[in-house]
Protein backbone atom coordinates (compact mmCIF):
# COMPACT_ATOMS: atom_id res chain seq x y z
CA MET A 1 25.95 -30.48 -1.28
CA ALA A 2 26.74 -34.11 -1.03
CA GLU A 3 24.66 -34.63 2.35
CA ILE A 4 21.71 -33.31 0.66
CA ASN A 5 21.52 -35.70 -2.08
CA SER A 6 22.81 -38.71 0.07
CA PRO A 7 20.20 -41.70 0.92
CA GLY A 8 17.75 -40.76 3.49
CA SER A 9 18.15 -36.99 2.51
CA LEU A 10 14.85 -34.77 1.87
CA LEU A 11 15.02 -31.53 -0.76
CA VAL A 12 12.26 -29.33 -0.64
CA GLY A 13 12.97 -27.40 -3.68
CA GLU A 14 12.24 -23.57 -4.40
CA GLY A 15 8.51 -23.18 -5.39
CA VAL A 16 7.72 -26.62 -3.84
CA PHE A 17 5.04 -26.85 -0.71
CA MET A 18 4.80 -29.85 1.44
CA LYS A 19 2.40 -30.46 4.09
CA GLY A 20 2.62 -33.39 6.86
CA SER A 21 4.78 -35.70 8.84
CA MET A 22 8.00 -36.47 7.76
CA GLN A 23 10.92 -38.46 9.24
CA VAL A 24 13.83 -37.89 7.44
CA PRO A 25 17.13 -40.19 8.94
CA GLY A 26 19.44 -37.66 6.93
CA THR A 27 19.32 -34.27 6.55
CA ALA A 28 16.40 -32.48 5.54
CA SER A 29 16.84 -28.81 3.24
CA ILE A 30 14.10 -26.96 2.62
CA ASP A 31 14.16 -23.99 0.09
CA GLY A 32 10.59 -24.09 -0.51
CA LYS A 33 7.74 -24.23 1.84
CA LEU A 34 6.92 -27.10 4.19
CA GLU A 35 4.10 -27.50 6.84
CA GLY A 36 3.34 -30.09 9.81
CA GLU A 37 6.22 -31.58 11.65
CA LEU A 38 9.80 -32.51 10.52
CA SER A 39 12.23 -34.74 12.40
CA ALA A 40 15.64 -35.12 10.97
CA ASP A 41 19.22 -35.56 12.13
CA THR A 42 19.90 -32.10 10.31
CA VAL A 43 17.46 -29.59 9.34
CA ILE A 44 18.41 -26.67 7.02
CA VAL A 45 15.84 -23.76 5.95
CA GLN A 46 17.60 -22.08 3.09
CA ALA A 47 17.33 -18.27 2.63
CA ASN A 48 14.10 -18.73 0.53
CA GLY A 49 12.56 -21.50 2.65
CA SER A 50 10.31 -21.79 5.32
CA MET A 51 9.06 -24.24 7.81
CA ASP A 52 6.04 -23.69 10.02
CA GLY A 53 5.40 -26.54 12.77
CA ARG A 54 7.04 -28.88 14.72
CA THR A 55 11.06 -29.43 14.02
CA THR A 56 13.07 -31.51 15.87
CA ALA A 57 16.80 -32.19 14.98
CA ASN A 58 19.83 -32.82 16.35
CA HIS A 59 21.72 -29.60 14.16
CA VAL A 60 19.16 -27.26 12.91
CA ARG A 61 20.77 -24.19 10.75
CA VAL A 62 18.12 -21.14 9.60
CA ALA A 63 18.36 -18.94 6.89
CA GLY A 64 14.80 -18.83 6.29
CA ALA A 65 11.98 -18.69 8.60
CA LEU A 66 11.41 -21.14 11.07
CA THR A 67 8.13 -21.14 13.03
CA ASN A 68 6.07 -22.95 15.61
CA THR A 69 8.31 -25.36 17.67
CA THR A 70 11.85 -25.85 17.20
CA VAL A 71 14.32 -28.36 19.24
CA ALA A 72 17.76 -28.52 18.59
CA ASN A 73 19.38 -31.43 20.36
CA LYS A 74 22.33 -30.45 19.82
CA SER A 75 22.93 -27.21 17.50
CA LEU A 76 21.10 -24.38 16.38
CA VAL A 77 22.45 -21.77 14.20
CA VAL A 78 20.76 -18.68 12.91
CA GLU A 79 22.16 -16.96 9.69
CA SER A 80 22.25 -13.28 9.36
CA SER A 81 18.91 -13.90 7.29
CA GLY A 82 17.42 -16.24 9.52
CA LEU A 83 14.48 -15.81 11.84
CA ILE A 84 13.07 -18.71 14.27
CA GLY A 85 9.79 -17.97 16.24
CA GLY A 86 7.86 -19.84 18.66
CA SER A 87 8.65 -22.06 21.33
CA ILE A 88 12.82 -22.78 20.96
CA THR A 89 14.86 -25.45 22.82
CA TYR A 90 18.83 -25.72 21.92
CA GLN A 91 22.01 -27.63 23.15
CA GLU A 92 24.54 -25.20 21.45
CA LEU A 93 23.19 -21.62 20.12
CA GLU A 94 24.57 -19.41 17.36
CA ILE A 95 23.14 -16.25 15.95
CA LYS A 96 24.99 -14.40 13.40
CA LYS A 97 24.52 -10.71 13.14
CA GLY A 98 20.96 -9.66 12.11
CA GLY A 99 19.47 -13.35 12.76
CA GLN A 100 16.36 -13.04 15.13
CA LEU A 101 14.87 -15.24 17.60
CA GLN A 102 11.40 -14.62 18.85
CA GLY A 103 9.24 -16.36 21.38
CA SER A 104 10.47 -18.55 24.46
CA ILE A 105 13.92 -19.67 24.45
CA ASN A 106 15.18 -22.50 26.51
CA LYS A 107 18.43 -24.63 26.93
CA VAL A 108 17.99 -28.22 26.58
CA GLY A 109 17.91 -29.92 30.26
CA GLN A 110 17.33 -26.66 32.09
CA GLN A 111 13.73 -26.07 31.17
CA ALA A 112 12.60 -26.71 34.77
CA GLN A 113 15.24 -24.45 36.29
CA GLY A 114 14.38 -21.11 33.93
CA ASN A 115 10.87 -21.09 35.01
CA ALA A 116 11.75 -21.81 38.32
CA TYR A 117 14.04 -18.46 38.40
CA ALA A 118 11.37 -16.51 36.36
CA ALA A 119 8.28 -17.15 38.67
CA PRO A 120 9.60 -15.47 41.85
CA ALA A 121 10.29 -12.61 39.75
CA ARG A 122 7.02 -11.86 38.72
CA PRO A 123 5.28 -11.38 41.99
CA GLN A 124 7.95 -9.49 43.27
CA GLN A 125 7.52 -6.95 40.60
CA PRO A 126 4.30 -5.41 41.63
CA ALA A 127 5.05 -5.58 45.33
CA PRO A 128 7.14 -2.24 45.53
CA ALA A 129 4.40 -0.16 44.15
CA PRO A 130 1.99 -0.43 47.18
CA VAL A 131 4.61 -0.03 49.46
CA GLU A 132 5.96 3.28 47.82
CA ALA A 133 2.57 4.97 47.55
CA PRO A 134 1.78 4.96 51.20
CA ALA A 135 4.98 6.21 52.18
CA PRO A 136 4.46 10.06 50.80
CA GLN A 137 0.88 10.08 52.31
CA GLN A 138 2.75 9.05 55.67
CA ALA A 139 4.94 12.05 55.32
CA GLN A 140 2.27 14.16 54.19
CA ALA A 141 0.24 13.13 57.31
CA GLN A 142 3.14 13.76 59.64
CA ALA A 143 4.16 17.28 57.99
CA ALA A 144 0.65 18.73 58.82
CA PRO A 145 0.46 18.55 62.40
CA GLU A 146 4.06 20.05 62.77
CA SER A 147 2.58 23.06 60.72
CA ALA A 148 -0.45 23.26 62.73
CA GLN A 149 1.22 23.05 66.02
CA ASN A 150 3.61 25.89 64.83
CA GLY A 151 0.47 27.80 63.93
CA ASN A 152 2.51 29.55 61.23
CA PRO A 153 1.18 29.13 57.25
CA GLN A 154 4.51 29.72 55.68
CA ALA A 155 5.94 26.54 57.35
CA ASN A 156 3.55 24.31 55.10
CA ASN A 157 5.17 26.62 52.04
CA GLN A 158 8.61 25.82 53.28
CA GLN A 159 8.35 22.08 53.89
CA ARG A 160 6.95 21.67 49.99
CA GLN A 161 9.56 23.78 48.46
CA ASN A 162 12.25 21.73 50.76
CA PRO A 163 14.89 20.67 48.26
CA GLN A 164 15.10 17.42 51.15
CA ASN A 165 12.06 16.27 49.58
CA GLY A 166 12.59 16.45 45.90
CA TYR A 167 10.74 19.19 44.58
CA GLY A 168 13.08 22.09 44.68
CA LYS A 169 12.51 25.80 45.25
CA PRO A 170 9.82 28.11 43.85
CA GLY A 171 10.30 29.21 40.21
CA LYS A 172 12.77 26.44 39.36
CA SER A 173 11.90 23.91 36.99
């Protein structure tokens, strides 16, 4: 508590609502509600507190709610009652059991790499569906000429019921 009351610190008490842009050289402790932009060395969002806007600090500890954009240049700690949502950037991350992160999460200095790895994965996922879809059609097209050549209508039934093609024997589910 000595840090919170020291010169250059900010305390937003319970029941207090503040809106605007704040630059705090020390610790900003939020037990009320804050909207806007906050820059500080340390930001502490207490269990009853909430911050909505852009938060930039070396150290961030959240027991309440922190939404929109969060940049923790050194450490980010999410307590068991904490919720952080939006765009989150951190250097070191600690999440206590029950703590929640929602949104985009990036490590400081690795944003470009994270996006580079994510981009190729998206186009590759839809590609297998068209490749797999024609394969059964080709197998059916090949099966039809064989049965036509044999002239045996039961050959068609045996091919459809063949356990190798995944359908199993008749009467079994």
